[in-house]
């Protein structure tokens, strides 16, 4: 249990940095107009290659980060 207490903060920091990087590297061309309801840029397309990898990686990293946060709450 002590090892878990020592490793969880480090794991969460690493996961958070990786998650931020994965989100920032995604090339989503939505400008500021999308935030205000501008639907002219609302075209949908299929993700391929590295964009698909980053999309899936961000989902996996978010799930892992959430699980480690829940474990930290339960153990702590």
N, C-alpha and C. Protein backbone atom coordinates (compact mmCIF):
# COMPACT_ATOMS: atom_id res chain seq x y z
N UNK A 1 0.82 -1.19 0.00
CA UNK A 1 0.00 0.00 0.00
C UNK A 1 0.86 1.25 0.00
N UNK A 2 1.99 1.21 0.69
CA UNK A 2 2.86 2.37 0.74
C UNK A 2 3.46 2.66 -0.63
N UNK A 3 3.76 1.60 -1.37
CA UNK A 3 4.28 1.77 -2.72
C UNK A 3 3.25 2.46 -3.61
N UNK A 4 1.99 2.09 -3.43
CA UNK A 4 0.92 2.71 -4.20
C UNK A 4 0.79 4.19 -3.89
N UNK A 5 0.92 4.54 -2.62
CA UNK A 5 0.88 5.95 -2.22
C UNK A 5 2.04 6.73 -2.82
N UNK A 6 3.17 6.08 -2.97
CA UNK A 6 4.34 6.76 -3.50
C UNK A 6 4.28 6.90 -5.02
N UNK A 7 3.68 5.94 -5.72
CA UNK A 7 3.68 5.95 -7.17
C UNK A 7 2.51 6.71 -7.80
N UNK A 8 1.38 6.78 -7.14
CA UNK A 8 0.19 7.39 -7.74
C UNK A 8 0.39 8.84 -8.18
N UNK A 9 0.98 9.72 -7.38
CA UNK A 9 1.15 11.10 -7.86
C UNK A 9 2.03 11.19 -9.11
N UNK A 10 3.08 10.41 -9.16
CA UNK A 10 3.94 10.41 -10.33
C UNK A 10 3.23 9.90 -11.57
N UNK A 11 2.45 8.84 -11.40
CA UNK A 11 1.68 8.28 -12.51
C UNK A 11 0.67 9.30 -13.01
N UNK A 12 0.01 10.01 -12.09
CA UNK A 12 -0.98 11.00 -12.50
C UNK A 12 -0.34 12.17 -13.22
N UNK A 13 0.83 12.59 -12.81
CA UNK A 13 1.53 13.68 -13.50
C UNK A 13 1.90 13.27 -14.91
N UNK A 14 2.44 12.06 -15.06
CA UNK A 14 2.82 11.57 -16.38
C UNK A 14 1.60 11.44 -17.29
N UNK A 15 0.52 10.88 -16.76
CA UNK A 15 -0.69 10.73 -17.56
C UNK A 15 -1.28 12.09 -17.95
N UNK A 16 -1.24 13.05 -17.04
CA UNK A 16 -1.81 14.36 -17.37
C UNK A 16 -0.99 15.06 -18.44
N UNK A 17 0.33 14.96 -18.38
CA UNK A 17 1.17 15.58 -19.41
C UNK A 17 0.94 14.91 -20.77
N UNK A 18 0.85 13.58 -20.78
CA UNK A 18 0.58 12.87 -22.03
C UNK A 18 -0.80 13.21 -22.59
N UNK A 19 -1.79 13.35 -21.71
CA UNK A 19 -3.14 13.69 -22.14
C UNK A 19 -3.19 15.09 -22.73
N UNK A 20 -2.53 16.04 -22.09
CA UNK A 20 -2.48 17.41 -22.61
C UNK A 20 -1.79 17.42 -23.97
N UNK A 21 -0.69 16.69 -24.10
CA UNK A 21 0.01 16.62 -25.37
C UNK A 21 -0.84 16.00 -26.47
N UNK A 22 -1.55 14.92 -26.16
CA UNK A 22 -2.39 14.27 -27.15
C UNK A 22 -3.53 15.17 -27.61
N UNK A 23 -4.09 15.93 -26.69
CA UNK A 23 -5.18 16.84 -27.04
C UNK A 23 -4.67 18.00 -27.88
N UNK A 24 -3.54 18.56 -27.50
CA UNK A 24 -3.01 19.70 -28.23
C UNK A 24 -2.50 19.34 -29.62
N UNK A 25 -2.08 18.10 -29.82
CA UNK A 25 -1.57 17.68 -31.12
C UNK A 25 -2.67 17.36 -32.13
N UNK A 26 -3.89 17.24 -31.67
CA UNK A 26 -4.97 16.94 -32.59
C UNK A 26 -5.23 18.15 -33.47
N UNK A 27 -5.36 17.91 -34.74
CA UNK A 27 -5.56 19.00 -35.69
C UNK A 27 -7.04 19.12 -36.00
N UNK A 28 -7.70 19.85 -35.18
CA UNK A 28 -9.12 20.11 -35.42
C UNK A 28 -9.24 21.54 -35.90
N UNK A 29 -9.72 21.75 -37.10
CA UNK A 29 -9.74 23.06 -37.71
C UNK A 29 -10.89 23.93 -37.27
N UNK A 30 -11.48 23.67 -36.13
CA UNK A 30 -12.59 24.48 -35.66
C UNK A 30 -12.06 25.80 -35.11
N UNK A 31 -12.48 26.86 -35.69
CA UNK A 31 -12.06 28.18 -35.23
C UNK A 31 -12.93 28.66 -34.10
N UNK A 32 -12.83 29.92 -33.82
CA UNK A 32 -13.61 30.52 -32.74
C UNK A 32 -15.09 30.59 -33.11
N UNK A 33 -15.38 30.57 -34.39
CA UNK A 33 -16.77 30.65 -34.83
C UNK A 33 -17.58 29.44 -34.40
N UNK A 34 -16.94 28.28 -34.26
CA UNK A 34 -17.65 27.09 -33.81
C UNK A 34 -18.16 27.21 -32.39
N UNK A 35 -17.51 28.03 -31.60
CA UNK A 35 -17.95 28.20 -30.21
C UNK A 35 -19.22 29.02 -30.13
N UNK A 36 -19.48 29.82 -31.14
CA UNK A 36 -20.66 30.69 -31.13
C UNK A 36 -21.77 30.20 -32.05
N UNK A 37 -21.66 28.98 -32.51
CA UNK A 37 -22.74 28.38 -33.27
C UNK A 37 -22.64 28.57 -34.77
N UNK A 38 -21.50 28.93 -35.30
CA UNK A 38 -21.33 29.06 -36.74
C UNK A 38 -21.28 27.67 -37.35
N UNK A 39 -22.27 27.33 -38.16
CA UNK A 39 -22.36 25.98 -38.68
C UNK A 39 -21.79 25.84 -40.09
N UNK A 40 -21.12 26.85 -40.60
CA UNK A 40 -20.57 26.74 -41.95
C UNK A 40 -19.37 25.81 -41.99
N UNK A 41 -18.70 25.62 -40.87
CA UNK A 41 -17.54 24.74 -40.83
C UNK A 41 -17.89 23.38 -40.25
N UNK A 42 -19.13 23.00 -40.31
CA UNK A 42 -19.60 21.78 -39.69
C UNK A 42 -19.48 20.54 -40.55
N UNK A 43 -18.45 20.43 -41.35
CA UNK A 43 -18.29 19.24 -42.17
C UNK A 43 -17.66 18.12 -41.35
N UNK A 44 -18.16 16.93 -41.55
CA UNK A 44 -17.64 15.77 -40.83
C UNK A 44 -16.78 14.95 -41.78
N UNK A 45 -15.75 14.35 -41.25
CA UNK A 45 -14.87 13.54 -42.06
C UNK A 45 -14.36 12.39 -41.22
N UNK A 46 -13.81 11.40 -41.88
CA UNK A 46 -13.28 10.23 -41.20
C UNK A 46 -11.84 10.48 -40.77
N UNK A 47 -11.57 10.19 -39.52
CA UNK A 47 -10.19 10.32 -39.03
C UNK A 47 -9.36 9.17 -39.59
N UNK A 48 -8.13 9.50 -39.98
CA UNK A 48 -7.25 8.47 -40.52
C UNK A 48 -5.85 8.69 -40.02
N UNK A 49 -5.09 7.62 -39.96
CA UNK A 49 -3.67 7.71 -39.65
C UNK A 49 -3.38 8.22 -38.26
N UNK A 50 -2.51 9.21 -38.21
CA UNK A 50 -2.06 9.73 -36.91
C UNK A 50 -3.16 10.44 -36.17
N UNK A 51 -4.10 11.04 -36.91
CA UNK A 51 -5.21 11.72 -36.24
C UNK A 51 -6.10 10.72 -35.50
N UNK A 52 -6.33 9.57 -36.09
CA UNK A 52 -7.10 8.52 -35.43
C UNK A 52 -6.35 7.99 -34.22
N UNK A 53 -5.03 7.82 -34.36
CA UNK A 53 -4.22 7.35 -33.24
C UNK A 53 -4.27 8.34 -32.07
N UNK A 54 -4.12 9.63 -32.35
CA UNK A 54 -4.17 10.64 -31.28
C UNK A 54 -5.54 10.71 -30.64
N UNK A 55 -6.59 10.55 -31.43
CA UNK A 55 -7.95 10.57 -30.90
C UNK A 55 -8.17 9.41 -29.93
N UNK A 56 -7.76 8.22 -30.35
CA UNK A 56 -7.93 7.05 -29.49
C UNK A 56 -7.00 7.10 -28.28
N UNK A 57 -5.80 7.61 -28.47
CA UNK A 57 -4.85 7.73 -27.36
C UNK A 57 -5.37 8.70 -26.31
N UNK A 58 -6.00 9.79 -26.75
CA UNK A 58 -6.53 10.75 -25.77
C UNK A 58 -7.68 10.15 -24.98
N UNK A 59 -8.48 9.30 -25.61
CA UNK A 59 -9.56 8.63 -24.89
C UNK A 59 -9.00 7.66 -23.85
N UNK A 60 -8.02 6.86 -24.26
CA UNK A 60 -7.41 5.89 -23.35
C UNK A 60 -6.72 6.60 -22.18
N UNK A 61 -5.99 7.67 -22.48
CA UNK A 61 -5.29 8.41 -21.43
C UNK A 61 -6.27 9.06 -20.47
N UNK A 62 -7.38 9.57 -20.98
CA UNK A 62 -8.38 10.17 -20.10
C UNK A 62 -9.00 9.13 -19.18
N UNK A 63 -9.26 7.94 -19.70
CA UNK A 63 -9.82 6.87 -18.88
C UNK A 63 -8.81 6.44 -17.81
N UNK A 64 -7.55 6.28 -18.20
CA UNK A 64 -6.52 5.89 -17.24
C UNK A 64 -6.34 6.96 -16.16
N UNK A 65 -6.36 8.23 -16.55
CA UNK A 65 -6.22 9.30 -15.57
C UNK A 65 -7.40 9.30 -14.60
N UNK A 66 -8.59 9.09 -15.10
CA UNK A 66 -9.78 9.03 -14.24
C UNK A 66 -9.69 7.86 -13.27
N UNK A 67 -9.25 6.72 -13.77
CA UNK A 67 -9.12 5.55 -12.90
C UNK A 67 -8.08 5.76 -11.81
N UNK A 68 -6.94 6.37 -12.16
CA UNK A 68 -5.93 6.62 -11.13
C UNK A 68 -6.42 7.65 -10.12
N UNK A 69 -7.22 8.62 -10.55
CA UNK A 69 -7.77 9.58 -9.61
C UNK A 69 -8.76 8.91 -8.65
N UNK A 70 -9.56 7.99 -9.17
CA UNK A 70 -10.49 7.26 -8.31
C UNK A 70 -9.74 6.35 -7.33
N UNK A 71 -8.70 5.69 -7.79
CA UNK A 71 -7.89 4.85 -6.91
C UNK A 71 -7.25 5.71 -5.81
N UNK A 72 -6.79 6.89 -6.17
CA UNK A 72 -6.18 7.78 -5.18
C UNK A 72 -7.21 8.20 -4.12
N UNK A 73 -8.45 8.39 -4.53
CA UNK A 73 -9.49 8.74 -3.57
C UNK A 73 -9.84 7.57 -2.66
N UNK A 74 -9.88 6.38 -3.22
CA UNK A 74 -10.25 5.21 -2.44
C UNK A 74 -9.14 4.83 -1.45
N UNK A 75 -7.90 4.84 -1.95
CA UNK A 75 -6.77 4.43 -1.12
C UNK A 75 -6.43 5.49 -0.09
N UNK A 76 -6.50 6.75 -0.52
CA UNK A 76 -6.07 7.85 0.34
C UNK A 76 -7.02 8.10 1.43
